[in-house]
Amino acid sequence: MIETPVIVKHEKGLDARPIALLVQEASQYASKIFIQVDNKKINAKSIMGMMSLNLSDGEEVTVLTDGEDEVKAAEGIKTFLAEAK
């Protein structure tokens, strides 16, 4: 399992469209992927779960990946969250 701290860099936060794109990105990987904020740990492949996090610009999250392509998955999710769109 890999734990990757990430600072969210999306000017307007993550609303429905960026969340849908994030779920789409996460779904490309075989690994289990979770986004953790404080005590909440949400499956990154669940659109409703991700919407419940209400992520905003500058927020620190931890990306947890576990599986055969966990390194690639961690990098893909980190890149998505950390690069302003």
N, C-alpha and C. Protein backbone atom coordinates (compact mmCIF):
# COMPACT_ATOMS: atom_id res chain seq x y z
N MET A 1 0.85 -1.18 0.00
CA MET A 1 0.00 0.00 0.00
C MET A 1 0.89 1.24 0.00
N ILE A 2 0.51 2.21 -0.81
CA ILE A 2 1.24 3.47 -0.90
C ILE A 2 0.35 4.59 -0.38
N GLU A 3 0.92 5.45 0.46
CA GLU A 3 0.22 6.64 0.96
C GLU A 3 0.92 7.86 0.39
N THR A 4 0.16 8.68 -0.37
CA THR A 4 0.74 9.84 -1.03
C THR A 4 0.00 11.10 -0.59
N PRO A 5 0.68 12.00 0.14
CA PRO A 5 0.03 13.26 0.50
C PRO A 5 -0.03 14.18 -0.73
N VAL A 6 -1.16 14.85 -0.90
CA VAL A 6 -1.37 15.72 -2.06
C VAL A 6 -2.11 16.98 -1.62
N ILE A 7 -1.71 18.11 -2.17
CA ILE A 7 -2.45 19.36 -1.97
C ILE A 7 -3.31 19.56 -3.22
N VAL A 8 -4.62 19.69 -3.03
CA VAL A 8 -5.55 19.88 -4.14
C VAL A 8 -5.31 21.25 -4.75
N LYS A 9 -5.13 21.28 -6.07
CA LYS A 9 -4.91 22.55 -6.77
C LYS A 9 -5.93 22.68 -7.90
N HIS A 10 -7.12 22.97 -7.53
CA HIS A 10 -8.20 23.25 -8.48
C HIS A 10 -8.86 24.52 -7.98
N GLU A 11 -8.68 25.60 -8.74
CA GLU A 11 -9.10 26.93 -8.31
C GLU A 11 -10.49 26.99 -7.69
N LYS A 12 -11.44 26.31 -8.31
CA LYS A 12 -12.82 26.37 -7.83
C LYS A 12 -13.20 25.15 -7.00
N GLY A 13 -12.20 24.39 -6.59
CA GLY A 13 -12.50 23.17 -5.84
C GLY A 13 -12.95 22.07 -6.80
N LEU A 14 -13.36 20.97 -6.25
CA LEU A 14 -13.81 19.86 -7.08
C LEU A 14 -15.33 19.74 -6.98
N ASP A 15 -16.00 20.22 -8.03
CA ASP A 15 -17.45 20.06 -8.10
C ASP A 15 -17.75 18.84 -8.98
N ALA A 16 -18.95 18.75 -9.49
CA ALA A 16 -19.40 17.54 -10.19
C ALA A 16 -18.51 17.13 -11.37
N ARG A 17 -18.16 18.07 -12.23
CA ARG A 17 -17.38 17.70 -13.42
C ARG A 17 -15.98 17.19 -13.07
N PRO A 18 -15.19 17.94 -12.28
CA PRO A 18 -13.87 17.40 -11.93
C PRO A 18 -13.94 16.09 -11.14
N ILE A 19 -14.96 15.95 -10.31
CA ILE A 19 -15.11 14.69 -9.56
C ILE A 19 -15.37 13.54 -10.54
N ALA A 20 -16.22 13.76 -11.53
CA ALA A 20 -16.51 12.72 -12.53
C ALA A 20 -15.22 12.34 -13.27
N LEU A 21 -14.40 13.33 -13.60
CA LEU A 21 -13.13 13.06 -14.28
C LEU A 21 -12.15 12.32 -13.36
N LEU A 22 -12.16 12.66 -12.08
CA LEU A 22 -11.30 11.98 -11.11
C LEU A 22 -11.71 10.51 -10.98
N VAL A 23 -13.01 10.25 -10.88
CA VAL A 23 -13.51 8.87 -10.79
C VAL A 23 -13.14 8.09 -12.06
N GLN A 24 -13.25 8.77 -13.21
CA GLN A 24 -12.88 8.15 -14.48
C GLN A 24 -11.38 7.80 -14.48
N GLU A 25 -10.55 8.71 -13.99
CA GLU A 25 -9.11 8.46 -13.89
C GLU A 25 -8.85 7.26 -12.96
N ALA A 26 -9.46 7.26 -11.79
CA ALA A 26 -9.25 6.18 -10.81
C ALA A 26 -9.70 4.83 -11.36
N SER A 27 -10.75 4.83 -12.15
CA SER A 27 -11.32 3.58 -12.68
C SER A 27 -10.42 2.92 -13.72
N GLN A 28 -9.41 3.63 -14.20
CA GLN A 28 -8.48 3.06 -15.18
C GLN A 28 -7.50 2.07 -14.55
N TYR A 29 -7.41 2.11 -13.22
CA TYR A 29 -6.41 1.29 -12.53
C TYR A 29 -7.05 0.09 -11.85
N ALA A 30 -6.30 -1.01 -11.80
CA ALA A 30 -6.79 -2.22 -11.15
C ALA A 30 -6.72 -2.10 -9.63
N SER A 31 -5.82 -1.26 -9.14
CA SER A 31 -5.61 -1.11 -7.69
C SER A 31 -6.82 -0.50 -7.00
N LYS A 32 -6.92 -0.76 -5.70
CA LYS A 32 -7.89 -0.08 -4.86
C LYS A 32 -7.34 1.31 -4.60
N ILE A 33 -8.19 2.33 -4.74
CA ILE A 33 -7.75 3.72 -4.55
C ILE A 33 -8.71 4.41 -3.61
N PHE A 34 -8.16 5.03 -2.58
CA PHE A 34 -8.96 5.76 -1.62
C PHE A 34 -8.39 7.16 -1.45
N ILE A 35 -9.27 8.12 -1.20
CA ILE A 35 -8.87 9.48 -0.86
C ILE A 35 -9.24 9.65 0.61
N GLN A 36 -8.26 10.05 1.41
CA GLN A 36 -8.50 10.23 2.85
C GLN A 36 -8.35 11.70 3.21
N VAL A 37 -9.37 12.22 3.90
CA VAL A 37 -9.36 13.59 4.42
C VAL A 37 -9.77 13.47 5.88
N ASP A 38 -8.88 13.90 6.76
CA ASP A 38 -9.12 13.76 8.20
C ASP A 38 -9.42 12.30 8.51
N ASN A 39 -10.61 12.01 9.04
CA ASN A 39 -10.97 10.63 9.37
C ASN A 39 -11.84 9.96 8.32
N LYS A 40 -12.11 10.66 7.21
CA LYS A 40 -12.92 10.09 6.13
C LYS A 40 -12.03 9.43 5.10
N LYS A 41 -12.34 8.18 4.76
CA LYS A 41 -11.61 7.43 3.74
C LYS A 41 -12.63 6.97 2.71
N ILE A 42 -12.53 7.53 1.50
CA ILE A 42 -13.54 7.29 0.47
C ILE A 42 -12.92 6.61 -0.75
N ASN A 43 -13.65 5.64 -1.31
CA ASN A 43 -13.25 4.96 -2.53
C ASN A 43 -13.25 5.97 -3.68
N ALA A 44 -12.08 6.17 -4.32
CA ALA A 44 -11.96 7.14 -5.40
C ALA A 44 -12.71 6.73 -6.66
N LYS A 45 -13.21 5.50 -6.70
CA LYS A 45 -13.96 5.03 -7.86
C LYS A 45 -15.46 5.21 -7.67
N SER A 46 -15.86 5.81 -6.54
CA SER A 46 -17.27 6.04 -6.22
C SER A 46 -17.60 7.52 -6.38
N ILE A 47 -18.41 7.85 -7.37
CA ILE A 47 -18.73 9.25 -7.63
C ILE A 47 -19.49 9.88 -6.46
N MET A 48 -20.42 9.14 -5.88
CA MET A 48 -21.18 9.70 -4.75
C MET A 48 -20.30 9.87 -3.52
N GLY A 49 -19.42 8.92 -3.28
CA GLY A 49 -18.49 9.04 -2.17
C GLY A 49 -17.57 10.23 -2.34
N MET A 50 -17.04 10.40 -3.53
CA MET A 50 -16.13 11.51 -3.79
C MET A 50 -16.84 12.85 -3.67
N MET A 51 -18.09 12.92 -4.11
CA MET A 51 -18.86 14.17 -3.98
C MET A 51 -19.02 14.54 -2.51
N SER A 52 -19.12 13.53 -1.64
CA SER A 52 -19.33 13.79 -0.21
C SER A 52 -18.11 14.44 0.46
N LEU A 53 -16.94 14.34 -0.16
CA LEU A 53 -15.75 14.94 0.43
C LEU A 53 -15.72 16.46 0.29
N ASN A 54 -16.37 16.98 -0.76
CA ASN A 54 -16.44 18.43 -0.95
C ASN A 54 -15.04 19.06 -0.90
N LEU A 55 -14.14 18.55 -1.73
CA LEU A 55 -12.75 19.00 -1.74
C LEU A 55 -12.63 20.42 -2.29
N SER A 56 -11.74 21.20 -1.67
CA SER A 56 -11.54 22.57 -2.13
C SER A 56 -10.06 22.83 -2.40
N ASP A 57 -9.79 23.90 -3.12
CA ASP A 57 -8.44 24.28 -3.48
C ASP A 57 -7.58 24.48 -2.23
N GLY A 58 -6.39 23.94 -2.23
CA GLY A 58 -5.47 24.09 -1.11
C GLY A 58 -5.63 23.06 -0.01
N GLU A 59 -6.64 22.22 -0.13
CA GLU A 59 -6.89 21.19 0.90
C GLU A 59 -5.87 20.06 0.76
N GLU A 60 -5.40 19.56 1.91
CA GLU A 60 -4.46 18.43 1.89
C GLU A 60 -5.22 17.13 2.06
N VAL A 61 -4.94 16.19 1.16
CA VAL A 61 -5.56 14.87 1.21
C VAL A 61 -4.45 13.83 1.14
N THR A 62 -4.79 12.59 1.46
CA THR A 62 -3.87 11.48 1.30
C THR A 62 -4.48 10.50 0.31
N VAL A 63 -3.71 10.16 -0.72
CA VAL A 63 -4.15 9.17 -1.71
C VAL A 63 -3.57 7.83 -1.27
N LEU A 64 -4.44 6.86 -1.08
CA LEU A 64 -4.05 5.50 -0.69
C LEU A 64 -4.28 4.57 -1.87
N THR A 65 -3.24 3.88 -2.29
CA THR A 65 -3.39 2.93 -3.40
C THR A 65 -2.85 1.58 -2.96
N ASP A 66 -3.50 0.52 -3.41
CA ASP A 66 -3.10 -0.83 -3.04
C ASP A 66 -3.46 -1.78 -4.17
N GLY A 67 -2.45 -2.42 -4.75
CA GLY A 67 -2.72 -3.38 -5.81
C GLY A 67 -1.57 -3.47 -6.79
N GLU A 68 -1.80 -4.18 -7.87
CA GLU A 68 -0.74 -4.48 -8.83
C GLU A 68 -0.16 -3.25 -9.52
N ASP A 69 -0.96 -2.21 -9.72
CA ASP A 69 -0.46 -0.99 -10.38
C ASP A 69 -0.53 0.21 -9.44
N GLU A 70 -0.27 -0.02 -8.14
CA GLU A 70 -0.44 1.02 -7.13
C GLU A 70 0.46 2.23 -7.35
N VAL A 71 1.68 2.03 -7.84
CA VAL A 71 2.59 3.15 -8.08
C VAL A 71 2.05 4.04 -9.19
N LYS A 72 1.65 3.42 -10.27
CA LYS A 72 1.09 4.15 -11.41
C LYS A 72 -0.21 4.85 -11.01
N ALA A 73 -1.04 4.17 -10.24
CA ALA A 73 -2.31 4.75 -9.78
C ALA A 73 -2.06 5.96 -8.88
N ALA A 74 -1.11 5.84 -7.96
CA ALA A 74 -0.79 6.94 -7.05
C ALA A 74 -0.33 8.16 -7.83
N GLU A 75 0.52 7.94 -8.82
CA GLU A 75 1.01 9.06 -9.64
C GLU A 75 -0.11 9.70 -10.46
N GLY A 76 -0.97 8.86 -11.04
CA GLY A 76 -2.07 9.37 -11.85
C GLY A 76 -3.04 10.23 -11.05
N ILE A 77 -3.40 9.77 -9.87
CA ILE A 77 -4.34 10.52 -9.02
C ILE A 77 -3.66 11.77 -8.48
N LYS A 78 -2.40 11.65 -8.07
CA LYS A 78 -1.66 12.82 -7.58
C LYS A 78 -1.59 13.90 -8.66
N THR A 79 -1.26 13.51 -9.86
CA THR A 79 -1.17 14.45 -10.98
C THR A 79 -2.51 15.12 -11.21
N PHE A 80 -3.59 14.35 -11.18
CA PHE A 80 -4.92 14.92 -11.41
C PHE A 80 -5.25 15.97 -10.35
N LEU A 81 -5.01 15.64 -9.09
CA LEU A 81 -5.38 16.54 -8.00
C LEU A 81 -4.46 17.75 -7.87
N ALA A 82 -3.18 17.57 -8.18
CA ALA A 82 -2.19 18.62 -7.93
C ALA A 82 -1.98 19.58 -9.09
N GLU A 83 -2.49 19.24 -10.26
CA GLU A 83 -2.33 20.13 -11.41
C GLU A 83 -3.62 20.87 -11.68
N ALA A 84 -3.56 22.18 -11.56
CA ALA A 84 -4.75 23.01 -11.76
C ALA A 84 -5.31 22.78 -13.16
N LYS A 85 -6.60 22.63 -13.21
CA LYS A 85 -7.29 22.41 -14.49
C LYS A 85 -8.07 23.64 -14.86
